[in-house]
PDB file of N, CA and C in Angstrom:
ATOM      1  N   MET A   1     -28.286 -23.891  19.596  1.00  0.00           N
ATOM      2  CA  MET A   1     -27.754 -22.687  20.211  1.00  0.00           C
ATOM      3  C   MET A   1     -26.317 -22.958  20.341  1.00  0.00           C
ATOM      4  N   ARG A   2     -25.833 -24.213  20.365  1.00  0.00           N
ATOM      5  CA  ARG A   2     -24.340 -24.327  20.491  1.00  0.00           C
ATOM      6  C   ARG A   2     -23.712 -23.892  19.121  1.00  0.00           C
ATOM      7  N   SER A   3     -24.295 -24.213  17.864  1.00  0.00           N
ATOM      8  CA  SER A   3     -23.755 -23.870  16.673  1.00  0.00           C
ATOM      9  C   SER A   3     -23.817 -22.366  16.432  1.00  0.00           C
ATOM     10  N   ILE A   4     -24.776 -21.662  16.968  1.00  0.00           N
ATOM     11  CA  ILE A   4     -24.653 -20.220  16.798  1.00  0.00           C
ATOM     12  C   ILE A   4     -23.624 -19.596  17.651  1.00  0.00           C
ATOM     13  N   THR A   5     -23.337 -20.117  18.865  1.00  0.00           N
ATOM     14  CA  THR A   5     -22.471 -19.594  19.618  1.00  0.00           C
ATOM     15  C   THR A   5     -20.826 -19.951  18.979  1.00  0.00           C
ATOM     16  N   ARG A   6     -20.910 -21.131  18.445  1.00  0.00           N
ATOM     17  CA  ARG A   6     -19.574 -21.490  17.757  1.00  0.00           C
ATOM     18  C   ARG A   6     -19.337 -20.648  16.586  1.00  0.00           C
ATOM     19  N   THR A   7     -20.363 -20.360  15.747  1.00  0.00           N
ATOM     20  CA  THR A   7     -20.249 -19.479  14.763  1.00  0.00           C
ATOM     21  C   THR A   7     -19.799 -18.179  14.903  1.00  0.00           C
ATOM     22  N   TYR A   8     -20.517 -17.561  16.066  1.00  0.00           N
ATOM     23  CA  TYR A   8     -20.173 -16.238  16.544  1.00  0.00           C
ATOM     24  C   TYR A   8     -18.655 -16.282  16.939  1.00  0.00           C
ATOM     25  N   ASN A   9     -18.199 -17.214  17.648  1.00  0.00           N
ATOM     26  CA  ASN A   9     -16.847 -17.452  18.093  1.00  0.00           C
ATOM     27  C   ASN A   9     -15.896 -17.364  16.999  1.00  0.00           C
ATOM     28  N   GLU A  10     -16.188 -18.210  16.007  1.00  0.00           N
ATOM     29  CA  GLU A  10     -15.234 -18.347  14.796  1.00  0.00           C
ATOM     30  C   GLU A  10     -15.282 -17.029  14.058  1.00  0.00           C
ATOM     31  N   SER A  11     -16.367 -16.324  13.871  1.00  0.00           N
ATOM     32  CA  SER A  11     -16.389 -15.041  13.263  1.00  0.00           C
ATOM     33  C   SER A  11     -15.573 -14.041  14.051  1.00  0.00           C
ATOM     34  N   LYS A  12     -15.621 -14.002  15.250  1.00  0.00           N
ATOM     35  CA  LYS A  12     -14.811 -13.035  16.161  1.00  0.00           C
ATOM     36  C   LYS A  12     -13.288 -13.359  16.173  1.00  0.00           C
ATOM     37  N   VAL A  13     -12.924 -14.630  15.916  1.00  0.00           N
ATOM     38  CA  VAL A  13     -11.538 -15.031  15.757  1.00  0.00           C
ATOM     39  C   VAL A  13     -11.065 -14.493  14.328  1.00  0.00           C
ATOM     40  N   LEU A  14     -11.978 -14.706  13.350  1.00  0.00           N
ATOM     41  CA  LEU A  14     -11.459 -14.116  12.126  1.00  0.00           C
ATOM     42  C   LEU A  14     -11.469 -12.691  11.906  1.00  0.00           C
ATOM     43  N   GLU A  15     -12.398 -12.014  12.682  1.00  0.00           N
ATOM     44  CA  GLU A  15     -12.436 -10.506  12.666  1.00  0.00           C
ATOM     45  C   GLU A  15     -11.056 -10.138  13.410  1.00  0.00           C
ATOM     46  N   ASP A  16     -10.719 -10.687  14.591  1.00  0.00           N
ATOM     47  CA  ASP A  16      -9.452 -10.260  15.328  1.00  0.00           C
ATOM     48  C   ASP A  16      -8.335 -10.571  14.408  1.00  0.00           C
ATOM     49  N   ARG A  17      -8.262 -11.603  13.578  1.00  0.00           N
ATOM     50  CA  ARG A  17      -7.028 -11.971  12.809  1.00  0.00           C
ATOM     51  C   ARG A  17      -6.991 -10.894  11.734  1.00  0.00           C
ATOM     52  N   LEU A  18      -8.061 -10.537  11.004  1.00  0.00           N
ATOM     53  CA  LEU A  18      -8.095  -9.555  10.025  1.00  0.00           C
ATOM     54  C   LEU A  18      -7.595  -8.233  10.529  1.00  0.00           C
ATOM     55  N   LYS A  19      -8.023  -7.868  11.918  1.00  0.00           N
ATOM     56  CA  LYS A  19      -7.649  -6.679  12.480  1.00  0.00           C
ATOM     57  C   LYS A  19      -5.986  -6.785  12.737  1.00  0.00           C
ATOM     58  N   GLN A  20      -5.490  -7.753  13.123  1.00  0.00           N
ATOM     59  CA  GLN A  20      -4.115  -7.963  13.316  1.00  0.00           C
ATOM     60  C   GLN A  20      -3.391  -7.810  11.871  1.00  0.00           C
ATOM     61  N   LEU A  21      -3.844  -8.502  10.928  1.00  0.00           N
ATOM     62  CA  LEU A  21      -3.179  -8.569   9.693  1.00  0.00           C
ATOM     63  C   LEU A  21      -3.298  -6.952   9.115  1.00  0.00           C
ATOM     64  N   SER A  22      -4.348  -6.282   9.361  1.00  0.00           N
ATOM     65  CA  SER A  22      -4.505  -4.905   8.932  1.00  0.00           C
ATOM     66  C   SER A  22      -3.479  -4.033   9.615  1.00  0.00           C
ATOM     67  N   GLY A  23      -3.235  -4.091  10.841  1.00  0.00           N
ATOM     68  CA  GLY A  23      -2.224  -3.410  11.491  1.00  0.00           C
ATOM     69  C   GLY A  23      -0.857  -3.651  11.088  1.00  0.00           C
ATOM     70  N   GLN A  24      -0.565  -4.886  10.879  1.00  0.00           N
ATOM     71  CA  GLN A  24       0.749  -5.252  10.461  1.00  0.00           C
ATOM     72  C   GLN A  24       0.923  -4.700   8.811  1.00  0.00           C
ATOM     73  N   TYR A  25      -0.092  -4.783   8.206  1.00  0.00           N
ATOM     74  CA  TYR A  25       0.038  -4.258   6.769  1.00  0.00           C
ATOM     75  C   TYR A  25       0.352  -2.706   6.852  1.00  0.00           C
ATOM     76  N   LEU A  26      -0.396  -1.930   7.705  1.00  0.00           N
ATOM     77  CA  LEU A  26      -0.105  -0.651   7.835  1.00  0.00           C
ATOM     78  C   LEU A  26       1.263  -0.159   8.279  1.00  0.00           C
ATOM     79  N   LEU A  27       1.831  -0.950   9.160  1.00  0.00           N
ATOM     80  CA  LEU A  27       3.150  -0.745   9.668  1.00  0.00           C
ATOM     81  C   LEU A  27       4.051  -1.016   8.582  1.00  0.00           C
ATOM     82  N   ARG A  28       3.891  -2.192   7.826  1.00  0.00           N
ATOM     83  CA  ARG A  28       4.769  -2.467   6.811  1.00  0.00           C
ATOM     84  C   ARG A  28       4.742  -1.528   5.617  1.00  0.00           C
ATOM     85  N   THR A  29       3.458  -0.968   5.360  1.00  0.00           N
ATOM     86  CA  THR A  29       3.353   0.026   4.284  1.00  0.00           C
ATOM     87  C   THR A  29       4.076   1.263   4.568  1.00  0.00           C
ATOM     88  N   HIS A  30       4.071   1.628   5.768  1.00  0.00           N
ATOM     89  CA  HIS A  30       4.896   2.886   6.158  1.00  0.00           C
ATOM     90  C   HIS A  30       6.389   2.758   5.772  1.00  0.00           C
ATOM     91  N   GLU A  31       6.921   1.495   6.220  1.00  0.00           N
ATOM     92  CA  GLU A  31       8.382   1.135   5.818  1.00  0.00           C
ATOM     93  C   GLU A  31       8.607   1.039   4.375  1.00  0.00           C
ATOM     94  N   GLU A  32       7.586   0.388   3.758  1.00  0.00           N
ATOM     95  CA  GLU A  32       7.827   0.338   2.340  1.00  0.00           C
ATOM     96  C   GLU A  32       7.804   1.595   1.491  1.00  0.00           C
ATOM     97  N   LEU A  33       6.944   2.551   1.863  1.00  0.00           N
ATOM     98  CA  LEU A  33       6.802   3.763   1.257  1.00  0.00           C
ATOM     99  C   LEU A  33       8.111   4.452   1.359  1.00  0.00           C
ATOM    100  N   ALA A  34       8.623   4.584   2.520  1.00  0.00           N
ATOM    101  CA  ALA A  34       9.959   5.038   2.844  1.00  0.00           C
ATOM    102  C   ALA A  34      11.015   4.447   1.969  1.00  0.00           C
ATOM    103  N   LEU A  35      10.931   3.148   1.706  1.00  0.00           N
ATOM    104  CA  LEU A  35      12.028   2.526   0.888  1.00  0.00           C
ATOM    105  C   LEU A  35      11.784   2.896  -0.521  1.00  0.00           C
ATOM    106  N   LEU A  36      10.498   2.941  -0.940  1.00  0.00           N
ATOM    107  CA  LEU A  36      10.130   3.243  -2.310  1.00  0.00           C
ATOM    108  C   LEU A  36      10.601   4.809  -2.576  1.00  0.00           C
ATOM    109  N   ARG A  37      10.290   5.662  -1.728  1.00  0.00           N
ATOM    110  CA  ARG A  37      10.716   7.158  -1.964  1.00  0.00           C
ATOM    111  C   ARG A  37      12.253   7.196  -1.913  1.00  0.00           C
ATOM    112  N   ALA A  38      12.900   6.383  -1.157  1.00  0.00           N
ATOM    113  CA  ALA A  38      14.421   6.393  -1.272  1.00  0.00           C
ATOM    114  C   ALA A  38      14.942   6.102  -2.680  1.00  0.00           C
ATOM    115  N   GLN A  39      14.288   5.416  -3.434  1.00  0.00           N
ATOM    116  CA  GLN A  39      14.595   5.046  -4.917  1.00  0.00           C
ATOM    117  C   GLN A  39      14.446   6.004  -5.886  1.00  0.00           C
ATOM    118  N   ILE A  40      13.535   7.048  -5.537  1.00  0.00           N
ATOM    119  CA  ILE A  40      13.140   8.071  -6.542  1.00  0.00           C
ATOM    120  C   ILE A  40      14.324   8.808  -7.081  1.00  0.00           C
ATOM    121  N   PRO A  41      15.371   9.185  -6.370  1.00  0.00           N
ATOM    122  CA  PRO A  41      16.410   9.954  -7.017  1.00  0.00           C
ATOM    123  C   PRO A  41      17.189   9.154  -8.016  1.00  0.00           C
ATOM    124  N   GLN A  42      17.402   7.843  -7.562  1.00  0.00           N
ATOM    125  CA  GLN A  42      18.116   7.081  -8.648  1.00  0.00           C
ATOM    126  C   GLN A  42      17.222   6.750  -9.796  1.00  0.00           C
ATOM    127  N   ALA A  43      15.988   6.388  -9.674  1.00  0.00           N
ATOM    128  CA  ALA A  43      15.007   6.074 -10.643  1.00  0.00           C
ATOM    129  C   ALA A  43      14.987   7.269 -11.561  1.00  0.00           C
ATOM    130  N   ARG A  44      14.861   8.542 -11.103  1.00  0.00           N
ATOM    131  CA  ARG A  44      14.832   9.705 -11.880  1.00  0.00           C
ATOM    132  C   ARG A  44      15.973   9.929 -12.914  1.00  0.00           C
ATOM    133  N   LEU A  45      17.273   9.338 -12.488  1.00  0.00           N
ATOM    134  CA  LEU A  45      18.317   9.313 -13.347  1.00  0.00           C
ATOM    135  C   LEU A  45      18.347   8.215 -14.233  1.00  0.00           C
ATOM    136  N   GLY A  46      17.266   7.411 -14.180  1.00  0.00           N
ATOM    137  CA  GLY A  46      17.086   6.287 -15.258  1.00  0.00           C
ATOM    138  C   GLY A  46      17.784   4.984 -14.748  1.00  0.00           C
ATOM    139  N   ARG A  47      18.042   4.817 -13.558  1.00  0.00           N
ATOM    140  CA  ARG A  47      18.717   3.421 -13.010  1.00  0.00           C
ATOM    141  C   ARG A  47      17.515   2.551 -12.996  1.00  0.00           C
ATOM    142  N   PRO A  48      17.741   1.488 -13.931  1.00  0.00           N
ATOM    143  CA  PRO A  48      16.710   0.349 -14.067  1.00  0.00           C
ATOM    144  C   PRO A  48      16.371  -0.395 -12.772  1.00  0.00           C
ATOM    145  N   GLU A  49      17.391  -0.583 -11.844  1.00  0.00           N
ATOM    146  CA  GLU A  49      17.164  -1.222 -10.687  1.00  0.00           C
ATOM    147  C   GLU A  49      16.453  -0.449  -9.731  1.00  0.00           C
ATOM    148  N   ALA A  50      16.522   0.899  -9.795  1.00  0.00           N
ATOM    149  CA  ALA A  50      15.722   1.589  -8.859  1.00  0.00           C
ATOM    150  C   ALA A  50      14.175   1.677  -9.305  1.00  0.00           C
ATOM    151  N   LEU A  51      14.142   1.742 -10.609  1.00  0.00           N
ATOM    152  CA  LEU A  51      12.723   1.681 -11.247  1.00  0.00           C
ATOM    153  C   LEU A  51      12.047   0.303 -10.828  1.00  0.00           C
ATOM    154  N   LEU A  52      12.893  -0.797 -11.013  1.00  0.00           N
ATOM    155  CA  LEU A  52      12.190  -2.069 -10.680  1.00  0.00           C
ATOM    156  C   LEU A  52      11.895  -2.226  -9.144  1.00  0.00           C
ATOM    157  N   GLU A  53      12.884  -1.666  -8.241  1.00  0.00           N
ATOM    158  CA  GLU A  53      12.474  -1.676  -6.765  1.00  0.00           C
ATOM    159  C   GLU A  53      11.154  -0.778  -6.534  1.00  0.00           C
ATOM    160  N   MET A  54      11.001   0.194  -7.164  1.00  0.00           N
ATOM    161  CA  MET A  54       9.831   1.112  -6.950  1.00  0.00           C
ATOM    162  C   MET A  54       8.561   0.271  -7.349  1.00  0.00           C
ATOM    163  N   GLN A  55       8.666  -0.352  -8.649  1.00  0.00           N
ATOM    164  CA  GLN A  55       7.676  -1.068  -9.062  1.00  0.00           C
ATOM    165  C   GLN A  55       7.260  -2.249  -8.137  1.00  0.00           C
ATOM    166  N   ARG A  56       8.287  -2.988  -7.571  1.00  0.00           N
ATOM    167  CA  ARG A  56       8.055  -4.049  -6.523  1.00  0.00           C
ATOM    168  C   ARG A  56       7.291  -3.641  -5.239  1.00  0.00           C
ATOM    169  N   TYR A  57       7.709  -2.465  -4.860  1.00  0.00           N
ATOM    170  CA  TYR A  57       7.037  -1.969  -3.609  1.00  0.00           C
ATOM    171  C   TYR A  57       5.597  -1.542  -3.978  1.00  0.00           C
ATOM    172  N   ALA A  58       5.444  -0.723  -5.030  1.00  0.00           N
ATOM    173  CA  ALA A  58       4.098  -0.523  -5.346  1.00  0.00           C
ATOM    174  C   ALA A  58       3.124  -1.598  -5.665  1.00  0.00           C
ATOM    175  N   HIS A  59       3.599  -2.679  -6.259  1.00  0.00           N
ATOM    176  CA  HIS A  59       2.976  -3.934  -6.527  1.00  0.00           C
ATOM    177  C   HIS A  59       2.427  -4.439  -5.221  1.00  0.00           C
ATOM    178  N   ARG A  60       3.494  -4.642  -4.319  1.00  0.00           N
ATOM    179  CA  ARG A  60       3.145  -5.304  -3.113  1.00  0.00           C
ATOM    180  C   ARG A  60       2.158  -4.538  -2.132  1.00  0.00           C
ATOM    181  N   ILE A  61       2.318  -3.060  -2.085  1.00  0.00           N
ATOM    182  CA  ILE A  61       1.413  -2.467  -1.462  1.00  0.00           C
ATOM    183  C   ILE A  61       0.027  -2.412  -1.922  1.00  0.00           C
ATOM    184  N   ALA A  62       0.055  -2.238  -3.193  1.00  0.00           N
ATOM    185  CA  ALA A  62      -1.269  -2.272  -4.029  1.00  0.00           C
ATOM    186  C   ALA A  62      -2.051  -3.557  -3.661  1.00  0.00           C
ATOM    187  N   GLY A  63      -1.404  -4.670  -3.881  1.00  0.00           N
ATOM    188  CA  GLY A  63      -2.075  -6.111  -3.874  1.00  0.00           C
ATOM    189  C   GLY A  63      -2.434  -6.214  -2.396  1.00  0.00           C
ATOM    190  N   SER A  64      -1.627  -6.118  -1.571  1.00  0.00           N
ATOM    191  CA  SER A  64      -2.054  -6.315  -0.165  1.00  0.00           C
ATOM    192  C   SER A  64      -3.169  -5.322   0.360  1.00  0.00           C
ATOM    193  N   GLY A  65      -2.996  -4.194  -0.075  1.00  0.00           N
ATOM    194  CA  GLY A  65      -4.022  -3.123   0.263  1.00  0.00           C
ATOM    195  C   GLY A  65      -5.427  -3.447  -0.248  1.00  0.00           C
ATOM    196  N   ALA A  66      -5.449  -3.876  -1.554  1.00  0.00           N
ATOM    197  CA  ALA A  66      -6.733  -4.323  -2.042  1.00  0.00           C
ATOM    198  C   ALA A  66      -7.279  -5.487  -1.374  1.00  0.00           C
ATOM    199  N   MET A  67      -6.450  -6.388  -1.099  1.00  0.00           N
ATOM    200  CA  MET A  67      -6.824  -7.704  -0.424  1.00  0.00           C
ATOM    201  C   MET A  67      -7.496  -7.533   0.952  1.00  0.00           C
ATOM    202  N   LEU A  68      -6.792  -6.380   1.665  1.00  0.00           N
ATOM    203  CA  LEU A  68      -7.201  -6.249   3.100  1.00  0.00           C
ATOM    204  C   LEU A  68      -8.358  -5.219   3.133  1.00  0.00           C
ATOM    205  N   GLY A  69      -8.832  -4.633   2.065  1.00  0.00           N
ATOM    206  CA  GLY A  69      -9.764  -3.589   2.100  1.00  0.00           C
ATOM    207  C   GLY A  69      -9.364  -2.168   2.087  1.00  0.00           C
ATOM    208  N   PHE A  70      -8.042  -1.857   1.856  1.00  0.00           N
ATOM    209  CA  PHE A  70      -7.693  -0.428   1.931  1.00  0.00           C
ATOM    210  C   PHE A  70      -7.700   0.040   0.499  1.00  0.00           C
ATOM    211  N   LYS A  71      -8.882   0.435   0.069  1.00  0.00           N
ATOM    212  CA  LYS A  71      -9.178   0.772  -1.428  1.00  0.00           C
ATOM    213  C   LYS A  71      -8.444   1.930  -1.881  1.00  0.00           C
ATOM    214  N   VAL A  72      -8.289   3.031  -1.098  1.00  0.00           N
ATOM    215  CA  VAL A  72      -7.522   4.201  -1.523  1.00  0.00           C
ATOM    216  C   VAL A  72      -6.159   3.822  -1.695  1.00  0.00           C
ATOM    217  N   ILE A  73      -5.460   3.319  -0.847  1.00  0.00           N
ATOM    218  CA  ILE A  73      -4.032   2.810  -0.790  1.00  0.00           C
ATOM    219  C   ILE A  73      -3.793   1.936  -1.917  1.00  0.00           C
ATOM    220  N   GLY A  74      -4.691   0.834  -2.099  1.00  0.00           N
ATOM    221  CA  GLY A  74      -4.606  -0.143  -3.166  1.00  0.00           C
ATOM    222  C   GLY A  74      -4.542   0.575  -4.529  1.00  0.00           C
ATOM    223  N   ASP A  75      -5.690   1.335  -4.728  1.00  0.00           N
ATOM    224  CA  ASP A  75      -5.768   2.038  -6.076  1.00  0.00           C
ATOM    225  C   ASP A  75      -4.746   3.017  -6.276  1.00  0.00           C
ATOM    226  N   ALA A  76      -4.317   3.721  -5.462  1.00  0.00           N
ATOM    227  CA  ALA A  76      -3.195   4.788  -5.569  1.00  0.00           C
ATOM    228  C   ALA A  76      -1.912   3.972  -6.033  1.00  0.00           C
ATOM    229  N   MET A  77      -1.459   2.972  -5.160  1.00  0.00           N
ATOM    230  CA  MET A  77      -0.282   2.273  -5.500  1.00  0.00           C
ATOM    231  C   MET A  77      -0.423   1.454  -6.847  1.00  0.00           C
ATOM    232  N   ALA A  78      -1.607   0.996  -7.209  1.00  0.00           N
ATOM    233  CA  ALA A  78      -1.750   0.226  -8.534  1.00  0.00           C
ATOM    234  C   ALA A  78      -1.489   1.329  -9.554  1.00  0.00           C
ATOM    235  N   GLN A  79      -1.884   2.534  -9.451  1.00  0.00           N
ATOM    236  CA  GLN A  79      -1.640   3.617 -10.426  1.00  0.00           C
ATOM    237  C   GLN A  79      -0.214   3.971 -10.532  1.00  0.00           C
ATOM    238  N   VAL A  80       0.548   3.994  -9.305  1.00  0.00           N
ATOM    239  CA  VAL A  80       1.962   4.167  -9.375  1.00  0.00           C
ATOM    240  C   VAL A  80       2.634   3.111 -10.085  1.00  0.00           C
ATOM    241  N   GLU A  81       2.108   1.870  -9.820  1.00  0.00           N
ATOM    242  CA  GLU A  81       2.925   0.733 -10.350  1.00  0.00           C
ATOM    243  C   GLU A  81       2.632   0.902 -12.041  1.00  0.00           C
ATOM    244  N   ARG A  82       1.455   1.082 -12.504  1.00  0.00           N
ATOM    245  CA  ARG A  82       1.216   1.364 -13.890  1.00  0.00           C
ATOM    246  C   ARG A  82       1.986   2.398 -14.582  1.00  0.00           C
ATOM    247  N   ILE A  83       2.234   3.530 -13.857  1.00  0.00           N
ATOM    248  CA  ILE A  83       3.038   4.610 -14.461  1.00  0.00           C
ATOM    249  C   ILE A  83       4.437   4.111 -14.619  1.00  0.00           C
ATOM    250  N   LEU A  84       5.003   3.468 -13.596  1.00  0.00           N
ATOM    251  CA  LEU A  84       6.280   2.849 -13.516  1.00  0.00           C
ATOM    252  C   LEU A  84       6.476   1.889 -14.639  1.00  0.00           C
ATOM    253  N   ARG A  85       5.655   1.004 -14.924  1.00  0.00           N
ATOM    254  CA  ARG A  85       5.631  -0.057 -15.824  1.00  0.00           C
ATOM    255  C   ARG A  85       5.606   0.458 -17.381  1.00  0.00           C
ATOM    256  N   ARG A  86       4.844   1.528 -17.543  1.00  0.00           N
ATOM    257  CA  ARG A  86       4.751   2.035 -18.958  1.00  0.00           C
ATOM    258  C   ARG A  86       5.906   3.177 -19.202  1.00  0.00           C
ATOM    259  N   ALA A  87       6.803   3.347 -18.108  1.00  0.00           N
ATOM    260  CA  ALA A  87       7.803   4.258 -18.337  1.00  0.00           C
ATOM    261  C   ALA A  87       8.752   3.787 -19.406  1.00  0.00           C
ATOM    262  N   ASP A  88       9.244   4.672 -20.367  1.00  0.00           N
ATOM    263  CA  ASP A  88      10.175   4.353 -21.474  1.00  0.00           C
ATOM    264  C   ASP A  88      11.213   5.434 -21.466  1.00  0.00           C
ATOM    265  N   PRO A  89      12.500   5.384 -21.121  1.00  0.00           N
ATOM    266  CA  PRO A  89      12.989   4.427 -19.962  1.00  0.00           C
ATOM    267  C   PRO A  89      12.510   4.888 -18.727  1.00  0.00           C
ATOM    268  N   VAL A  90      12.290   6.218 -18.489  1.00  0.00           N
ATOM    269  CA  VAL A  90      11.913   6.691 -17.236  1.00  0.00           C
ATOM    270  C   VAL A  90      10.642   7.343 -17.316  1.00  0.00           C
ATOM    271  N   PRO A  91       9.876   7.587 -16.153  1.00  0.00           N
ATOM    272  CA  PRO A  91       8.577   8.391 -16.398  1.00  0.00           C
ATOM    273  C   PRO A  91       8.948   9.870 -16.646  1.00  0.00           C
ATOM    274  N   SER A  92       8.016  10.421 -17.255  1.00  0.00           N
ATOM    275  CA  SER A  92       8.167  11.913 -17.601  1.00  0.00           C
ATOM    276  C   SER A  92       7.990  12.779 -16.522  1.00  0.00           C
ATOM    277  N   GLU A  93       8.191  14.081 -16.695  1.00  0.00           N
ATOM    278  CA  GLU A  93       8.066  14.954 -15.616  1.00  0.00           C
ATOM    279  C   GLU A  93       6.634  14.958 -14.975  1.00  0.00           C
ATOM    280  N   ALA A  94       5.528  14.995 -16.076  1.00  0.00           N
ATOM    281  CA  ALA A  94       4.122  14.856 -15.645  1.00  0.00           C
ATOM    282  C   ALA A  94       3.842  13.415 -14.915  1.00  0.00           C
ATOM    283  N   GLU A  95       4.428  12.482 -15.262  1.00  0.00           N
ATOM    284  CA  GLU A  95       4.179  11.159 -14.749  1.00  0.00           C
ATOM    285  C   GLU A  95       4.810  11.188 -13.287  1.00  0.00           C
ATOM    286  N   TRP A  96       6.021  11.743 -13.097  1.00  0.00           N
ATOM    287  CA  TRP A  96       6.595  11.979 -11.603  1.00  0.00           C
ATOM    288  C   TRP A  96       5.614  12.743 -10.820  1.00  0.00           C
ATOM    289  N   LEU A  97       4.992  13.692 -11.377  1.00  0.00           N
ATOM    290  CA  LEU A  97       3.969  14.450 -10.718  1.00  0.00           C
ATOM    291  C   LEU A  97       2.875  13.658 -10.306  1.00  0.00           C
ATOM    292  N   GLN A  98       2.380  12.709 -11.135  1.00  0.00           N
ATOM    293  CA  GLN A  98       1.357  11.820 -10.823  1.00  0.00           C
ATOM    294  C   GLN A  98       1.554  10.852  -9.751  1.00  0.00           C
ATOM    295  N   ILE A  99       2.969  10.360  -9.858  1.00  0.00           N
ATOM    296  CA  ILE A  99       3.298   9.433  -8.777  1.00  0.00           C
ATOM    297  C   ILE A  99       3.461  10.199  -7.503  1.00  0.00           C
ATOM    298  N   GLN A 100       3.794  11.371  -7.465  1.00  0.00           N
ATOM    299  CA  GLN A 100       3.836  12.210  -6.209  1.00  0.00           C
ATOM    300  C   GLN A 100       2.476  12.407  -5.549  1.00  0.00           C
ATOM    301  N   GLU A 101       1.590  12.775  -6.538  1.00  0.00           N
ATOM    302  CA  GLU A 101       0.099  12.889  -6.120  1.00  0.00           C
ATOM    303  C   GLU A 101      -0.482  11.615  -5.570  1.00  0.00           C
ATOM    304  N   GLN A 102      -0.169  10.443  -6.136  1.00  0.00           N
ATOM    305  CA  GLN A 102      -0.762   9.114  -5.714  1.00  0.00           C
ATOM    306  C   GLN A 102      -0.011   8.927  -4.151  1.00  0.00           C
ATOM    307  N   LEU A 103       1.215   9.171  -4.233  1.00  0.00           N
ATOM    308  CA  LEU A 103       1.897   8.872  -2.915  1.00  0.00           C
ATOM    309  C   LEU A 103       1.309   9.790  -1.679  1.00  0.00           C
ATOM    310  N   LEU A 104       0.867  11.066  -2.118  1.00  0.00           N
ATOM    311  CA  LEU A 104       0.210  11.869  -1.109  1.00  0.00           C
ATOM    312  C   LEU A 104      -1.142  11.393  -0.625  1.00  0.00           C
ATOM    313  N   LEU A 105      -1.872  10.808  -1.648  1.00  0.00           N
ATOM    314  CA  LEU A 105      -3.168  10.253  -1.340  1.00  0.00           C
ATOM    315  C   LEU A 105      -2.958   9.031  -0.352  1.00  0.00           C
ATOM    316  N   VAL A 106      -1.851   8.220  -0.578  1.00  0.00           N
ATOM    317  CA  VAL A 106      -1.585   7.118   0.292  1.00  0.00           C
ATOM    318  C   VAL A 106      -1.149   7.703   1.620  1.00  0.00           C
ATOM    319  N   ASP A 107      -0.405   8.749   1.779  1.00  0.00           N
ATOM    320  CA  ASP A 107      -0.079   9.220   3.061  1.00  0.00           C
ATOM    321  C   ASP A 107      -1.393   9.844   3.828  1.00  0.00           C
ATOM    322  N   ALA A 108      -2.175  10.297   3.053  1.00  0.00           N
ATOM    323  CA  ALA A 108      -3.332  11.133   3.737  1.00  0.00           C
ATOM    324  C   ALA A 108      -4.318   9.878   4.151  1.00  0.00           C
ATOM    325  N   ASP A 109      -4.401   8.700   3.444  1.00  0.00           N
ATOM    326  CA  ASP A 109      -5.167   7.674   3.884  1.00  0.00           C
ATOM    327  C   ASP A 109      -4.664   6.869   5.049  1.00  0.00           C
ATOM    328  N   LEU A 110      -3.254   6.905   4.974  1.00  0.00           N
ATOM    329  CA  LEU A 110      -2.591   6.232   6.161  1.00  0.00           C
ATOM    330  C   LEU A 110      -2.771   6.953   7.415  1.00  0.00           C
ATOM    331  N   ALA A 111      -2.737   8.305   7.279  1.00  0.00           N
ATOM    332  CA  ALA A 111      -2.954   9.086   8.496  1.00  0.00           C
ATOM    333  C   ALA A 111      -4.272   9.085   8.956  1.00  0.00           C
ATOM    334  N   ARG A 112      -5.239   9.118   8.093  1.00  0.00           N
ATOM    335  CA  ARG A 112      -6.601   8.838   8.403  1.00  0.00           C
ATOM    336  C   ARG A 112      -6.895   7.619   9.142  1.00  0.00           C
ATOM    337  N   THR A 113      -6.145   6.496   8.666  1.00  0.00           N
ATOM    338  CA  THR A 113      -6.462   5.058   9.075  1.00  0.00           C
ATOM    339  C   THR A 113      -5.681   4.953  10.434  1.00  0.00           C
ATOM    340  N   ALA A 114      -4.826   5.760  10.801  1.00  0.00           N
ATOM    341  CA  ALA A 114      -4.039   5.816  12.140  1.00  0.00           C
ATOM    342  C   ALA A 114      -4.822   6.080  13.172  1.00  0.00           C
ATOM    343  N   HIS A 115      -5.776   7.122  12.871  1.00  0.00           N
ATOM    344  CA  HIS A 115      -6.858   7.424  14.023  1.00  0.00           C
ATOM    345  C   HIS A 115      -7.884   6.515  14.330  1.00  0.00           C
ATOM    346  N   ASP A 116      -7.990   5.380  13.420  1.00  0.00           N
ATOM    347  CA  ASP A 116      -9.082   4.489  13.546  1.00  0.00           C
ATOM    348  C   ASP A 116      -8.663   3.499  14.629  1.00  0.00           C
ATOM    349  N   THR A 117      -9.280   3.626  15.769  1.00  0.00           N
ATOM    350  CA  THR A 117      -8.857   2.849  16.977  1.00  0.00           C
ATOM    351  C   THR A 117      -9.270   1.335  16.800  1.00  0.00           C
ATOM    352  N   SER A 118      -9.952   0.997  15.818  1.00  0.00           N
ATOM    353  CA  SER A 118     -10.202  -0.401  15.553  1.00  0.00           C
ATOM    354  C   SER A 118      -9.144  -1.325  15.084  1.00  0.00           C
ATOM    355  N   ILE A 119      -8.146  -0.667  14.535  1.00  0.00           N
ATOM    356  CA  ILE A 119      -7.014  -1.362  13.951  1.00  0.00           C
ATOM    357  C   ILE A 119      -5.843  -1.282  14.930  1.00  0.00           C
ATOM    358  N   PRO A 120      -5.423  -2.362  15.335  1.00  0.00           N
ATOM    359  CA  PRO A 120      -4.313  -2.346  16.374  1.00  0.00           C
ATOM    360  C   PRO A 120      -3.015  -1.984  15.588  1.00  0.00           C
ATOM    361  N   LYS A 121      -2.364  -1.302  16.389  1.00  0.00           N
ATOM    362  CA  LYS A 121      -0.998  -0.678  15.982  1.00  0.00           C
ATOM    363  C   LYS A 121       0.257  -1.667  16.062  1.00  0.00           C
TER     364      LYS A 121
END
């Protein structure tokens, strides 16, 4: 009986930690999306440093989202990263529209997730 209680307690600690990390990720993602979007005007002008910053934010959001189980966010930001990486030298207008669509998917999923009371803010 003691090991069952111990296992339950350990699982609860891990679950609580995952919720905490998820909440921190969501807060950071809001901030990083704003920073990513702030780079768009310069990136559209072909500034390589702006494109690189956008790639970095997209990569970070995608990887952390996938690791923490935020599939929609992770997949959408991975698509943004792929578009930015294959741009030569900048994304086409059609690719910018795809980026915007993916960012809207992320916004919608963040809004949906914000209503989930199981994730601490």
